[in-house]
Amino acid sequence: MRDSTTTEPATSFTPERLRLAGFGALAGLCGWLLTDVLAEDLGGTRLHLLLTVLAGVFFADALAMAGQMRARAAVAGAALVALPVAGLALWASTRFDTVEEMLRSPHQILAGLLLAALPVPFLIARGTGIGTGWRDYPALFLAAWNIVVRYAAAWLFTGVVWAVVFLSDTLLSLVGITIIDWLIDEVALVPWVLTGAALGLGLAVVAELAELVSPYLVLRLLRLLLPPLLAVMVVFVAALPFRGLSGLFGSYSAAATLMAIAMGGVSLISIVVDQSQAEAARSPLMRAAARGTALLLPVLAGLALWAVLLRVGQYGLTPERVAGGVAGLVVLGYALLYALSVLAGRAAWMDRIRQANIAMALAVMAAAALWLTPLLNAEALSARDQLARFQDGRLSVVQLPLREMRWDWGRPGAAALAELGAITGHPDQAALDARLADALSSTERYASYTEPAGAPTMDALRASLTVLPAGREAPDWVLGGLRQWETDSWLDSCARSDEAGRPGCVLVIGDFLTTAPGEEALLFLHGGGDSVIRQGFISSRGTDFRASAIFVAPSAEDPGARALFAALHSGEFSIGPTSVSALHVGAAEVLLMPWP
């Protein structure tokens, strides 16, 4: 039975469908020209970057606006976004010697994507001419979610088109006809044009069926996630006084997790609030969950930003930490505005949240634009900070991120390396010269990671690693086979010291395998938060062998980094037979492990 609210066109190829399919095919043609034709002569140049960003943003935004506003307005709006985004991308590329170096920086790409995507709902709201124009929240909300749902449906249709193409090729190949395979493999233009045309056609059909393919079903389902998320947040906040904050801030991933949960809460609250009072959730439980989540958001956002700032205080700025700080400020901005919206009174708290969303969207666009300008040059800020910390003694030679400066920080990183190379008379001059030579001589970004660790790094590791029993030194059968990436990881763990300043890396040597000749060693590394990384070494197996180390008694539970390292450093350990008995069957032994 056909829905009475929708009308099927008399033909499958209406003018609008043909127009969008043709526009998508044109987008595919441009993609082919930029990647296959012009790339041979312009590949890797700033002109190629400019053209690629310009075309990519223009076609993506124009297709996103298709069906929600007039065709000419969509094209004009897409051009209005694409031109400044391409210009800013070109400007940001001047921080690097090559475009390839810039593209290795995910932060530049993310800033460009945000600038390309966030203005589109505002343009649609302005183009509809309804309400308050570009500030009309119902139009903004519906436009944003329409883009997500329609693009998802159109890409699904594109995938189905390709599935039909491949199945058709398989069927025809059974009778010796390989024309489809030849077109796809030999005519590079065909896949691009076919994909673009299918995407455009899919968007056209989805726009025609706006009553059926709408975001409302998705939004209603997502609303159901808010009460469980609130419960998790309440448990987390309630557990903080008992667990403390020392484990929470042991790793950068804790900040990322807190930000992700906070932004998940922001998104779900926005979905509950919806576009207007008429569409907002009516359930008292859902509204109470939204208010409760809004009040808890500042706790998570504040902890996330604090975690980033602690890492900066310990190790200095890097582009990743600058990005984390900016992201933390954005999340905190959302959290504070949401909480204040609730605290200001129940009468219009939903309206205040809707206006907060508009303000924060504009703030994110401004931050993304600044990120691509010299006003917020994360690489330059990081290079200056690392140099200052090294010069005043807050960073040792082994802690300098020389490899990152060489490969990831563009021209500011190269300038910092040159300034470090000009230093003479440093107490660790030999180690500095060796590390600089290693960084500057590498021909690939990760080449030296798999190479044996250098002498300066090994000296720093020996000085940082706690070896037990007291008086023992780390043996060669443990350190002899270490690669650079391993020593870097160990040193990171060693730097995660406890309140008493004791390092988060302990090596315990003993006769753990009575049937094997020689000694063995257990390594415990602080993995961030309250996690522990464990490794085993067996002298009779050589330097390249790594054994597993597990907790088996009494409950097989990890005691946590704080308790484990406190006990090890205090000497509260012993080496002896395990409390787990084995079943002996002939020459075999079977262990019952105490977990499911």
Protein backbone atom coordinates (compact mmCIF):
# COMPACT_ATOMS: atom_id res chain seq x y z
CA MET A 1 0.00 0.00 0.00
CA ARG A 2 1.36 3.41 -0.93
CA ASP A 3 1.46 6.15 1.69
CA SER A 4 -1.16 8.77 0.92
CA THR A 5 1.15 11.64 1.86
CA THR A 6 3.72 10.88 -0.86
CA THR A 7 3.35 11.02 -4.61
CA GLU A 8 5.50 8.97 -6.90
CA PRO A 9 6.68 10.87 -10.01
CA ALA A 10 5.31 9.76 -13.36
CA THR A 11 8.87 9.10 -14.50
CA SER A 12 11.90 7.85 -12.61
CA PHE A 13 14.03 10.62 -14.09
CA THR A 14 12.50 13.92 -13.10
CA PRO A 15 14.32 17.16 -13.92
CA GLU A 16 15.47 17.48 -10.30
CA ARG A 17 16.82 13.93 -10.27
CA LEU A 18 18.64 14.47 -13.56
CA ARG A 19 19.99 17.79 -12.31
CA LEU A 20 21.43 16.35 -9.10
CA ALA A 21 22.70 13.20 -10.79
CA GLY A 22 24.46 15.38 -13.36
CA PHE A 23 25.87 17.62 -10.63
CA GLY A 24 27.15 14.55 -8.78
CA ALA A 25 28.69 13.25 -12.01
CA LEU A 26 30.40 16.63 -12.44
CA ALA A 27 31.75 16.30 -8.90
CA GLY A 28 33.11 12.88 -9.82
CA LEU A 29 34.67 14.30 -12.97
CA CYS A 30 36.45 16.97 -10.92
CA GLY A 31 37.63 14.32 -8.48
CA TRP A 32 39.09 12.31 -11.35
CA LEU A 33 40.79 15.37 -12.84
CA LEU A 34 42.33 16.35 -9.51
CA THR A 35 43.52 12.89 -8.47
CA ASP A 36 44.42 11.24 -11.77
CA VAL A 37 45.12 13.95 -14.33
CA LEU A 38 46.34 17.10 -12.61
CA ALA A 39 48.09 15.12 -9.88
CA GLU A 40 50.77 14.07 -12.36
CA ASP A 41 51.91 17.67 -12.86
CA LEU A 42 50.55 19.48 -9.81
CA GLY A 43 50.53 16.72 -7.19
CA GLY A 44 51.97 17.89 -3.89
CA THR A 45 51.93 21.57 -4.84
CA ARG A 46 50.03 24.30 -3.04
CA LEU A 47 48.02 25.00 -6.19
CA HIS A 48 46.84 21.39 -6.20
CA LEU A 49 45.88 21.71 -2.53
CA LEU A 50 43.93 24.89 -3.24
CA LEU A 51 42.02 23.36 -6.17
CA THR A 52 41.30 20.12 -4.29
CA VAL A 53 39.93 21.85 -1.19
CA LEU A 54 37.97 24.32 -3.31
CA ALA A 55 36.32 21.60 -5.39
CA GLY A 56 35.79 19.20 -2.49
CA VAL A 57 34.11 21.73 -0.21
CA PHE A 58 32.07 23.26 -3.04
CA PHE A 59 30.56 20.01 -4.29
CA ALA A 60 30.06 18.48 -0.83
CA ASP A 61 28.27 21.57 0.50
CA ALA A 62 26.21 22.12 -2.66
CA LEU A 63 24.96 18.53 -2.55
CA ALA A 64 24.26 18.86 1.19
CA MET A 65 22.08 21.91 0.56
CA ALA A 66 20.33 20.34 -2.43
CA GLY A 67 16.68 19.69 -1.74
CA GLN A 68 16.62 22.09 1.21
CA MET A 69 16.95 25.33 -0.78
CA ARG A 70 16.88 26.55 -4.37
CA ALA A 71 19.57 25.19 -6.68
CA ARG A 72 21.15 28.57 -7.44
CA ALA A 73 21.19 29.51 -3.78
CA ALA A 74 22.82 26.17 -2.92
CA VAL A 75 25.56 26.67 -5.51
CA ALA A 76 26.17 30.26 -4.40
CA GLY A 77 26.25 29.24 -0.73
CA ALA A 78 28.66 26.41 -1.42
CA ALA A 79 30.99 28.78 -3.25
CA LEU A 80 30.73 31.24 -0.37
CA VAL A 81 32.04 28.55 2.00
CA ALA A 82 34.54 26.88 -0.32
CA LEU A 83 36.51 30.01 -1.22
CA PRO A 84 37.54 31.05 2.33
CA VAL A 85 38.12 27.44 3.44
CA ALA A 86 40.44 26.84 0.48
CA GLY A 87 42.22 30.13 1.17
CA LEU A 88 42.72 29.28 4.84
CA ALA A 89 43.99 25.80 3.95
CA LEU A 90 46.50 27.38 1.59
CA TRP A 91 47.55 29.82 4.31
CA ALA A 92 47.98 27.01 6.86
CA SER A 93 50.14 25.05 4.41
CA THR A 94 52.79 27.79 4.55
CA ARG A 95 53.74 26.50 8.03
CA PHE A 96 55.18 23.44 6.31
CA ASP A 97 57.78 22.96 3.61
CA THR A 98 55.51 20.63 1.66
CA VAL A 99 51.79 19.93 1.41
CA GLU A 100 52.48 16.31 2.35
CA GLU A 101 53.79 17.46 5.74
CA MET A 102 50.61 19.45 6.31
CA LEU A 103 48.39 16.50 5.45
CA ARG A 104 50.16 14.45 8.13
CA SER A 105 48.68 16.85 10.68
CA PRO A 106 45.13 15.71 11.49
CA HIS A 107 44.38 18.96 13.30
CA GLN A 108 44.62 21.04 10.14
CA ILE A 109 42.29 18.62 8.35
CA LEU A 110 39.79 18.61 11.22
CA ALA A 111 39.74 22.41 11.33
CA GLY A 112 39.07 22.52 7.59
CA LEU A 113 36.26 19.96 7.86
CA LEU A 114 34.59 21.93 10.65
CA LEU A 115 34.79 25.12 8.62
CA ALA A 116 33.35 23.35 5.60
CA ALA A 117 30.45 21.71 7.47
CA LEU A 118 29.26 24.05 10.22
CA PRO A 119 28.22 27.03 8.04
CA VAL A 120 25.92 24.89 5.87
CA PRO A 121 22.91 24.77 8.26
CA PHE A 122 23.17 28.55 8.72
CA LEU A 123 23.08 29.04 4.95
CA ILE A 124 20.05 26.76 4.64
CA ALA A 125 18.25 28.60 7.45
CA ARG A 126 19.00 31.92 5.77
CA GLY A 127 17.95 30.61 2.36
CA THR A 128 14.56 29.38 3.54
CA GLY A 129 13.58 32.92 4.53
CA ILE A 130 11.54 31.64 7.48
CA GLY A 131 11.59 32.94 11.03
CA THR A 132 14.67 34.87 12.11
CA GLY A 133 16.81 33.89 9.15
CA TRP A 134 20.21 32.37 9.83
CA ARG A 135 19.54 32.43 13.60
CA ASP A 136 16.26 30.51 13.33
CA TYR A 137 16.91 27.50 15.57
CA PRO A 138 14.17 25.17 14.24
CA ALA A 139 15.49 25.66 10.71
CA LEU A 140 19.09 25.15 11.88
CA PHE A 141 18.28 22.01 13.84
CA LEU A 142 16.26 20.40 11.07
CA ALA A 143 18.79 21.36 8.39
CA ALA A 144 21.71 19.89 10.31
CA TRP A 145 20.01 16.57 10.96
CA ASN A 146 18.58 16.42 7.44
CA ILE A 147 22.12 16.66 6.08
CA VAL A 148 23.25 13.75 8.25
CA VAL A 149 20.32 11.48 7.47
CA ARG A 150 20.08 12.31 3.75
CA TYR A 151 23.79 11.93 3.14
CA ALA A 152 23.76 8.60 5.01
CA ALA A 153 20.83 7.34 2.92
CA ALA A 154 22.41 8.57 -0.33
CA TRP A 155 25.73 6.90 0.43
CA LEU A 156 23.87 3.70 1.27
CA PHE A 157 22.17 3.91 -2.12
CA THR A 158 25.57 4.50 -3.75
CA GLY A 159 26.88 1.36 -2.08
CA VAL A 160 23.90 -0.60 -3.39
CA VAL A 161 24.57 0.73 -6.90
CA TRP A 162 28.12 -0.55 -6.74
CA ALA A 163 26.93 -3.89 -5.40
CA VAL A 164 24.62 -4.19 -8.43
CA VAL A 165 27.51 -3.24 -10.74
CA PHE A 166 29.79 -5.91 -9.30
CA LEU A 167 27.07 -8.56 -9.36
CA SER A 168 26.25 -7.65 -12.96
CA ASP A 169 29.91 -7.94 -13.89
CA THR A 170 30.09 -11.35 -12.22
CA LEU A 171 26.98 -12.53 -14.07
CA LEU A 172 28.17 -11.33 -17.49
CA SER A 173 31.62 -12.77 -16.96
CA LEU A 174 30.01 -16.21 -16.78
CA VAL A 175 29.23 -15.87 -20.50
CA GLY A 176 32.54 -14.25 -21.38
CA ILE A 177 31.40 -10.60 -21.41
CA THR A 178 33.86 -8.43 -19.45
CA ILE A 179 32.85 -4.95 -20.58
CA ILE A 180 31.95 -3.80 -17.05
CA ASP A 181 35.25 -5.02 -15.62
CA TRP A 182 37.11 -3.28 -18.45
CA LEU A 183 35.28 0.02 -17.87
CA ILE A 184 36.01 -0.01 -14.15
CA ASP A 185 39.66 -1.09 -14.38
CA GLU A 186 40.81 0.59 -17.58
CA VAL A 187 38.73 3.78 -17.74
CA ALA A 188 39.64 5.59 -14.51
CA LEU A 189 36.94 8.20 -15.10
CA VAL A 190 34.06 5.72 -14.83
CA PRO A 191 34.21 4.90 -11.08
CA TRP A 192 34.40 8.58 -10.19
CA VAL A 193 31.50 9.65 -12.40
CA LEU A 194 29.34 6.66 -11.48
CA THR A 195 29.84 7.25 -7.76
CA GLY A 196 29.04 10.96 -8.07
CA ALA A 197 25.97 10.37 -10.23
CA ALA A 198 24.63 7.71 -7.86
CA LEU A 199 25.19 9.98 -4.86
CA GLY A 200 23.42 12.90 -6.53
CA LEU A 201 20.52 10.72 -7.64
CA GLY A 202 20.22 9.28 -4.14
CA LEU A 203 20.10 12.76 -2.60
CA ALA A 204 17.42 13.82 -5.08
CA VAL A 205 15.18 10.86 -4.27
CA VAL A 206 15.71 11.30 -0.53
CA ALA A 207 14.76 14.98 -0.80
CA GLU A 208 11.54 14.04 -2.63
CA LEU A 209 10.63 11.63 0.18
CA ALA A 210 11.35 14.07 3.00
CA GLU A 211 8.25 12.90 4.89
CA LEU A 212 9.53 9.33 4.93
CA VAL A 213 13.30 9.77 5.10
CA SER A 214 13.44 12.26 7.96
CA PRO A 215 15.67 12.46 11.02
CA TYR A 216 12.79 12.09 13.48
CA LEU A 217 13.08 8.32 13.84
CA VAL A 218 16.82 8.56 14.52
CA LEU A 219 16.31 11.40 17.00
CA ARG A 220 13.60 9.55 18.91
CA LEU A 221 15.85 6.51 19.25
CA LEU A 222 18.85 8.56 20.35
CA ARG A 223 16.80 10.21 23.08
CA LEU A 224 16.56 6.86 24.84
CA LEU A 225 20.32 6.88 25.46
CA LEU A 226 20.28 9.92 27.75
CA PRO A 227 19.05 8.29 31.01
CA PRO A 228 21.67 5.48 30.84
CA LEU A 229 24.39 8.04 30.10
CA LEU A 230 23.27 10.12 33.08
CA ALA A 231 23.44 7.03 35.30
CA VAL A 232 27.02 6.35 34.19
CA MET A 233 27.99 9.98 34.82
CA VAL A 234 26.45 9.90 38.31
CA VAL A 235 28.36 6.74 39.20
CA PHE A 236 31.59 8.27 37.88
CA VAL A 237 31.20 11.51 39.85
CA ALA A 238 30.14 9.63 42.99
CA ALA A 239 33.22 7.40 42.77
CA LEU A 240 35.69 10.29 42.44
CA PRO A 241 36.01 11.00 46.20
CA PHE A 242 36.84 7.35 46.84
CA ARG A 243 39.20 6.76 43.91
CA GLY A 244 40.91 10.13 43.94
CA LEU A 245 42.20 12.11 41.00
CA SER A 246 45.79 10.87 40.79
CA GLY A 247 44.93 7.88 38.62
CA LEU A 248 42.47 9.87 36.54
CA PHE A 249 45.10 12.27 35.24
CA GLY A 250 47.79 9.73 34.49
CA SER A 251 47.19 9.69 30.74
CA TYR A 252 46.07 11.93 27.93
CA SER A 253 43.46 9.35 26.93
CA ALA A 254 41.55 10.14 30.14
CA ALA A 255 41.00 13.69 28.88
CA ALA A 256 39.82 12.41 25.50
CA THR A 257 37.38 10.01 27.18
CA LEU A 258 35.97 12.73 29.42
CA MET A 259 35.53 15.09 26.45
CA ALA A 260 33.85 12.39 24.38
CA ILE A 261 31.37 11.57 27.15
CA ALA A 262 30.68 15.26 27.76
CA MET A 263 30.05 15.93 24.07
CA GLY A 264 27.84 12.84 23.95
CA GLY A 265 25.83 14.37 26.76
CA VAL A 266 25.66 17.70 24.91
CA SER A 267 24.38 15.98 21.78
CA LEU A 268 21.73 13.96 23.62
CA ILE A 269 20.51 17.00 25.56
CA SER A 270 20.16 18.88 22.27
CA ILE A 271 18.14 15.98 20.88
CA VAL A 272 15.83 15.97 23.91
CA VAL A 273 15.39 19.75 23.64
CA ASP A 274 14.82 19.37 19.87
CA GLN A 275 13.99 22.29 17.59
CA SER A 276 11.12 23.81 19.58
CA GLN A 277 8.87 23.32 22.59
CA ALA A 278 6.35 21.51 20.41
CA GLU A 279 8.91 18.92 19.33
CA ALA A 280 10.82 18.61 22.63
CA ALA A 281 10.54 15.48 24.76
CA ARG A 282 7.39 15.55 26.90
CA SER A 283 8.37 12.76 29.28
CA PRO A 284 9.15 14.12 32.78
CA LEU A 285 11.85 11.45 33.10
CA MET A 286 13.55 12.54 29.88
CA ARG A 287 13.41 16.22 30.80
CA ALA A 288 14.78 15.51 34.27
CA ALA A 289 17.57 13.44 32.73
CA ALA A 290 18.45 16.33 30.42
CA ARG A 291 18.60 18.79 33.32
CA GLY A 292 20.64 16.41 35.47
CA THR A 293 23.10 15.73 32.67
CA ALA A 294 23.48 19.46 32.01
CA LEU A 295 24.38 20.05 35.66
CA LEU A 296 27.02 17.30 35.62
CA LEU A 297 28.64 18.38 32.35
CA PRO A 298 30.88 21.05 33.97
CA VAL A 299 32.42 18.39 36.22
CA LEU A 300 33.47 16.21 33.29
CA ALA A 301 34.51 19.15 31.12
CA GLY A 302 36.51 20.73 33.94
CA LEU A 303 38.30 17.46 34.70
CA ALA A 304 39.08 16.96 31.00
CA LEU A 305 40.61 20.42 30.64
CA TRP A 306 42.51 19.96 33.89
CA ALA A 307 43.93 16.67 32.62
CA VAL A 308 45.19 18.40 29.48
CA LEU A 309 46.72 21.24 31.48
CA LEU A 310 48.49 18.78 33.78
CA ARG A 311 50.05 17.05 30.78
CA VAL A 312 51.16 20.42 29.45
CA GLY A 313 52.66 21.27 32.82
CA GLN A 314 54.56 17.98 32.90
CA TYR A 315 55.79 17.69 29.32
CA GLY A 316 55.15 21.04 27.63
CA LEU A 317 53.12 22.00 24.60
CA THR A 318 52.75 19.88 21.49
CA PRO A 319 50.29 20.45 18.63
CA GLU A 320 48.20 17.59 20.02
CA ARG A 321 48.04 19.21 23.46
CA VAL A 322 47.23 22.62 21.99
CA ALA A 323 44.39 20.96 20.07
CA GLY A 324 43.33 19.18 23.25
CA GLY A 325 43.30 22.48 25.11
CA VAL A 326 41.16 24.16 22.45
CA ALA A 327 38.80 21.17 22.42
CA GLY A 328 38.65 21.26 26.22
CA LEU A 329 37.68 24.94 26.16
CA VAL A 330 34.95 24.22 23.62
CA VAL A 331 33.55 21.37 25.72
CA LEU A 332 33.74 23.51 28.86
CA GLY A 333 31.91 26.31 27.02
CA TYR A 334 29.07 23.96 26.13
CA ALA A 335 29.00 22.55 29.66
CA LEU A 336 28.87 25.92 31.42
CA LEU A 337 26.22 27.34 29.10
CA TYR A 338 24.06 24.24 29.49
CA ALA A 339 24.40 24.23 33.27
CA LEU A 340 23.65 27.95 33.51
CA SER A 341 20.63 27.47 31.25
CA VAL A 342 19.20 24.99 33.73
CA LEU A 343 20.15 26.95 36.85
CA ALA A 344 18.61 30.17 35.51
CA GLY A 345 15.12 28.73 35.96
CA ARG A 346 12.85 26.03 34.59
CA ALA A 347 10.62 28.40 32.66
CA ALA A 348 12.72 28.70 29.51
CA TRP A 349 15.74 26.47 30.09
CA MET A 350 15.24 24.68 26.77
CA ASP A 351 15.17 27.95 24.83
CA ARG A 352 18.39 29.01 26.53
CA ILE A 353 20.07 25.74 25.52
CA ARG A 354 18.97 26.26 21.92
CA GLN A 355 20.53 29.71 21.88
CA ALA A 356 23.67 28.31 23.53
CA ASN A 357 23.98 25.84 20.66
CA ILE A 358 23.96 28.68 18.14
CA ALA A 359 26.57 30.63 20.10
CA MET A 360 28.87 27.63 20.48
CA ALA A 361 28.57 26.68 16.80
CA LEU A 362 29.77 30.18 15.90
CA ALA A 363 32.56 29.90 18.49
CA VAL A 364 33.73 26.58 17.04
CA MET A 365 33.79 28.07 13.55
CA ALA A 366 35.87 30.98 14.82
CA ALA A 367 38.30 28.63 16.59
CA ALA A 368 38.65 26.47 13.47
CA ALA A 369 39.37 29.54 11.35
CA LEU A 370 41.95 30.81 13.85
CA TRP A 371 43.63 27.38 13.85
CA LEU A 372 44.43 27.80 10.18
CA THR A 373 45.94 31.27 10.66
CA PRO A 374 49.20 32.43 12.29
CA LEU A 375 47.14 33.67 15.25
CA LEU A 376 46.84 30.08 16.50
CA ASN A 377 49.91 28.32 15.13
CA ALA A 378 50.10 25.19 17.27
CA GLU A 379 53.44 24.11 15.79
CA ALA A 380 55.10 27.45 16.55
CA LEU A 381 53.66 27.58 20.08
CA SER A 382 54.87 24.04 20.75
CA ALA A 383 58.36 24.61 19.36
CA ARG A 384 58.87 27.75 21.45
CA ASP A 385 57.60 26.07 24.61
CA GLN A 386 59.77 22.96 24.20
CA LEU A 387 62.87 25.09 23.59
CA ALA A 388 62.16 27.23 26.65
CA ARG A 389 61.66 24.16 28.84
CA PHE A 390 64.90 22.59 27.64
CA GLN A 391 66.88 25.77 28.13
CA ASP A 392 65.68 26.29 31.71
CA GLY A 393 66.17 22.63 32.64
CA ARG A 394 62.55 21.49 32.88
CA LEU A 395 63.11 19.01 30.03
CA SER A 396 66.01 16.60 29.67
CA VAL A 397 67.65 15.70 26.38
CA VAL A 398 65.83 12.39 26.16
CA GLN A 399 62.45 14.09 26.71
CA LEU A 400 62.80 16.44 23.74
CA PRO A 401 60.34 15.45 20.96
CA LEU A 402 63.00 15.77 18.26
CA ARG A 403 61.44 13.26 15.90
CA GLU A 404 58.11 15.09 16.07
CA MET A 405 59.86 18.41 15.42
CA ARG A 406 61.57 16.91 12.40
CA TRP A 407 58.52 15.33 10.78
CA ASP A 408 55.34 16.85 12.21
CA TRP A 409 55.94 20.44 13.29
CA GLY A 410 56.74 21.98 9.92
CA ARG A 411 58.94 25.05 9.67
CA PRO A 412 58.68 25.95 13.37
CA GLY A 413 59.97 22.47 14.20
CA ALA A 414 62.86 22.83 11.76
CA ALA A 415 63.74 26.20 13.29
CA ALA A 416 63.70 24.67 16.77
CA LEU A 417 66.02 21.86 15.64
CA ALA A 418 68.40 24.43 14.16
CA GLU A 419 68.41 26.37 17.43
CA LEU A 420 69.08 23.20 19.40
CA GLY A 421 71.90 22.36 17.01
CA ALA A 422 73.53 25.70 17.74
CA ILE A 423 73.72 24.98 21.48
CA THR A 424 77.23 24.34 22.83
CA GLY A 425 78.50 23.54 26.28
CA HIS A 426 75.35 21.85 27.51
CA PRO A 427 75.93 19.35 30.38
CA ASP A 428 74.45 16.60 28.17
CA GLN A 429 75.99 17.91 24.95
CA ALA A 430 77.02 14.47 23.69
CA ALA A 431 73.53 13.07 24.20
CA LEU A 432 71.97 16.13 22.56
CA ASP A 433 74.25 15.88 19.53
CA ALA A 434 73.54 12.15 19.18
CA ARG A 435 69.77 12.59 19.34
CA LEU A 436 69.85 15.51 16.91
CA ALA A 437 71.95 13.52 14.46
CA ASP A 438 69.52 10.60 14.73
CA ALA A 439 66.48 12.82 14.12
CA LEU A 440 67.99 14.76 11.23
CA SER A 441 69.44 11.72 9.47
CA SER A 442 66.19 9.72 9.45
CA THR A 443 64.65 9.38 6.00
CA GLU A 444 61.19 8.25 7.11
CA ARG A 445 58.85 9.34 9.88
CA TYR A 446 58.87 6.06 11.77
CA ALA A 447 62.11 4.55 10.48
CA SER A 448 64.06 4.96 13.71
CA TYR A 449 61.23 3.59 15.84
CA THR A 450 62.11 0.04 14.82
CA GLU A 451 65.86 0.59 15.16
CA PRO A 452 67.79 -0.33 18.32
CA ALA A 453 67.63 2.36 20.98
CA GLY A 454 70.58 4.75 21.06
CA ALA A 455 73.04 5.16 23.91
CA PRO A 456 71.51 8.41 25.28
CA THR A 457 68.09 6.82 25.49
CA MET A 458 69.45 3.68 27.16
CA ASP A 459 71.36 5.77 29.71
CA ALA A 460 68.19 7.68 30.54
CA LEU A 461 66.25 4.43 30.87
CA ARG A 462 68.81 2.89 33.22
CA ALA A 463 68.68 6.02 35.35
CA SER A 464 64.87 5.98 35.52
CA LEU A 465 64.08 2.27 35.84
CA THR A 466 63.67 0.86 39.34
CA VAL A 467 65.25 -2.61 39.53
CA LEU A 468 64.34 -5.02 42.33
CA PRO A 469 65.64 -6.56 44.51
CA ALA A 470 67.56 -3.44 45.52
CA GLY A 471 71.13 -3.37 44.32
CA ARG A 472 70.46 -5.22 41.08
CA GLU A 473 70.97 -3.60 37.68
CA ALA A 474 68.89 -4.12 34.57
CA PRO A 475 70.57 -7.05 32.76
CA ASP A 476 71.55 -7.05 29.10
CA TRP A 477 69.12 -9.88 28.34
CA VAL A 478 66.34 -7.40 29.17
CA LEU A 479 67.70 -4.18 27.67
CA GLY A 480 69.79 -5.60 24.84
CA GLY A 481 66.94 -6.16 22.38
CA LEU A 482 64.95 -2.99 22.99
CA ARG A 483 63.88 -0.89 20.02
CA GLN A 484 63.46 2.85 20.06
CA TRP A 485 59.67 2.68 20.30
CA GLU A 486 59.92 0.39 23.32
CA THR A 487 62.34 2.62 25.21
CA ASP A 488 60.17 5.65 24.43
CA SER A 489 57.17 3.83 25.88
CA TRP A 490 59.12 2.75 28.97
CA LEU A 491 60.36 6.28 29.59
CA ASP A 492 56.82 7.63 29.29
CA SER A 493 55.74 5.19 31.99
CA CYS A 494 58.73 6.07 34.17
CA ALA A 495 57.67 9.71 33.99
CA ARG A 496 54.29 8.82 35.53
CA SER A 497 55.61 9.08 39.08
CA ASP A 498 53.52 8.80 42.24
CA GLU A 499 53.08 11.36 45.02
CA ALA A 500 56.50 10.45 46.43
CA GLY A 501 58.18 10.98 43.07
CA ARG A 502 58.84 7.27 42.51
CA PRO A 503 58.83 6.22 38.83
CA GLY A 504 56.06 4.20 37.20
CA CYS A 505 58.44 1.54 35.87
CA VAL A 506 59.70 -1.39 37.94
CA LEU A 507 61.69 -4.45 36.88
CA VAL A 508 61.68 -7.41 39.28
CA ILE A 509 64.40 -10.03 38.69
CA GLY A 510 64.18 -13.54 40.11
CA ASP A 511 63.95 -17.25 39.41
CA PHE A 512 60.32 -17.30 38.30
CA LEU A 513 60.59 -20.41 36.08
CA THR A 514 62.25 -23.14 38.09
CA THR A 515 62.39 -25.45 35.08
CA ALA A 516 64.26 -22.91 32.91
CA PRO A 517 67.97 -22.17 33.30
CA GLY A 518 69.00 -18.73 34.50
CA GLU A 519 66.86 -15.92 35.79
CA GLU A 520 63.72 -14.23 34.58
CA ALA A 521 62.27 -10.75 35.03
CA LEU A 522 58.84 -9.17 35.35
CA LEU A 523 58.38 -5.62 34.07
CA PHE A 524 55.59 -3.37 35.35
CA LEU A 525 54.84 -0.13 33.50
CA HIS A 526 52.35 2.56 34.47
CA GLY A 527 49.94 2.65 31.54
CA GLY A 528 48.10 5.82 32.53
CA GLY A 529 45.10 6.20 34.78
CA ASP A 530 45.21 3.17 37.07
CA SER A 531 46.28 0.67 34.41
CA VAL A 532 49.41 -1.49 34.49
CA ILE A 533 51.29 -2.91 31.52
CA ARG A 534 53.08 -6.20 32.26
CA GLN A 535 55.82 -8.01 30.38
CA GLY A 536 58.09 -10.95 31.07
CA PHE A 537 61.70 -11.62 30.07
CA ILE A 538 63.50 -14.98 30.14
CA SER A 539 67.29 -14.95 30.07
CA SER A 540 67.55 -18.36 28.43
CA ARG A 541 65.33 -17.25 25.51
CA GLY A 542 67.44 -14.27 24.43
CA THR A 543 66.85 -10.55 24.12
CA ASP A 544 64.10 -10.66 21.49
CA PHE A 545 61.71 -12.87 23.46
CA ARG A 546 58.78 -11.40 25.39
CA ALA A 547 56.71 -13.45 27.82
CA SER A 548 53.24 -12.78 29.23
CA ALA A 549 52.58 -11.84 32.83
CA ILE A 550 49.11 -12.29 34.35
CA PHE A 551 47.43 -11.99 37.74
CA VAL A 552 46.17 -15.41 38.86
CA ALA A 553 45.38 -15.24 42.57
CA PRO A 554 43.35 -14.87 44.64
CA SER A 555 40.82 -13.35 42.24
CA ALA A 556 42.89 -12.62 39.11
CA GLU A 557 42.06 -8.93 39.52
CA ASP A 558 44.55 -6.23 38.64
CA PRO A 559 45.30 -4.36 41.89
CA GLY A 560 45.71 -1.13 39.95
CA ALA A 561 48.76 0.98 39.29
CA ARG A 562 48.65 3.00 42.48
CA ALA A 563 48.51 0.02 44.84
CA LEU A 564 50.89 -2.14 42.81
CA PHE A 565 53.69 0.41 42.49
CA ALA A 566 53.32 1.50 46.11
CA ALA A 567 53.82 -2.11 47.23
CA LEU A 568 56.76 -2.72 44.90
CA HIS A 569 58.59 0.47 45.86
CA SER A 570 57.97 -0.26 49.55
CA GLY A 571 59.44 -3.74 49.25
CA GLU A 572 56.14 -5.46 50.01
CA PHE A 573 56.72 -8.38 47.68
CA SER A 574 58.22 -11.83 47.70
CA ILE A 575 59.11 -14.48 45.15
CA GLY A 576 57.73 -17.94 45.79
CA PRO A 577 55.47 -20.73 44.55
CA THR A 578 52.10 -19.71 43.14
CA SER A 579 48.87 -20.45 45.00
CA VAL A 580 47.40 -22.01 41.86
CA SER A 581 47.73 -25.79 41.63
CA ALA A 582 47.98 -27.65 38.34
CA LEU A 583 46.50 -30.89 37.05
CA HIS A 584 49.38 -33.14 35.96
CA VAL A 585 48.50 -35.40 33.04
CA GLY A 586 51.59 -37.28 31.99
CA ALA A 587 54.17 -34.66 31.11
CA ALA A 588 51.50 -31.95 30.68
CA GLU A 589 50.23 -29.46 33.26
CA VAL A 590 46.75 -27.93 33.11
CA LEU A 591 46.03 -24.68 35.00
CA LEU A 592 42.58 -23.52 36.03
CA MET A 593 42.54 -19.76 35.48
CA PRO A 594 40.16 -17.88 37.84
CA TRP A 595 38.18 -16.00 35.19
CA PRO A 596 35.33 -16.99 32.84
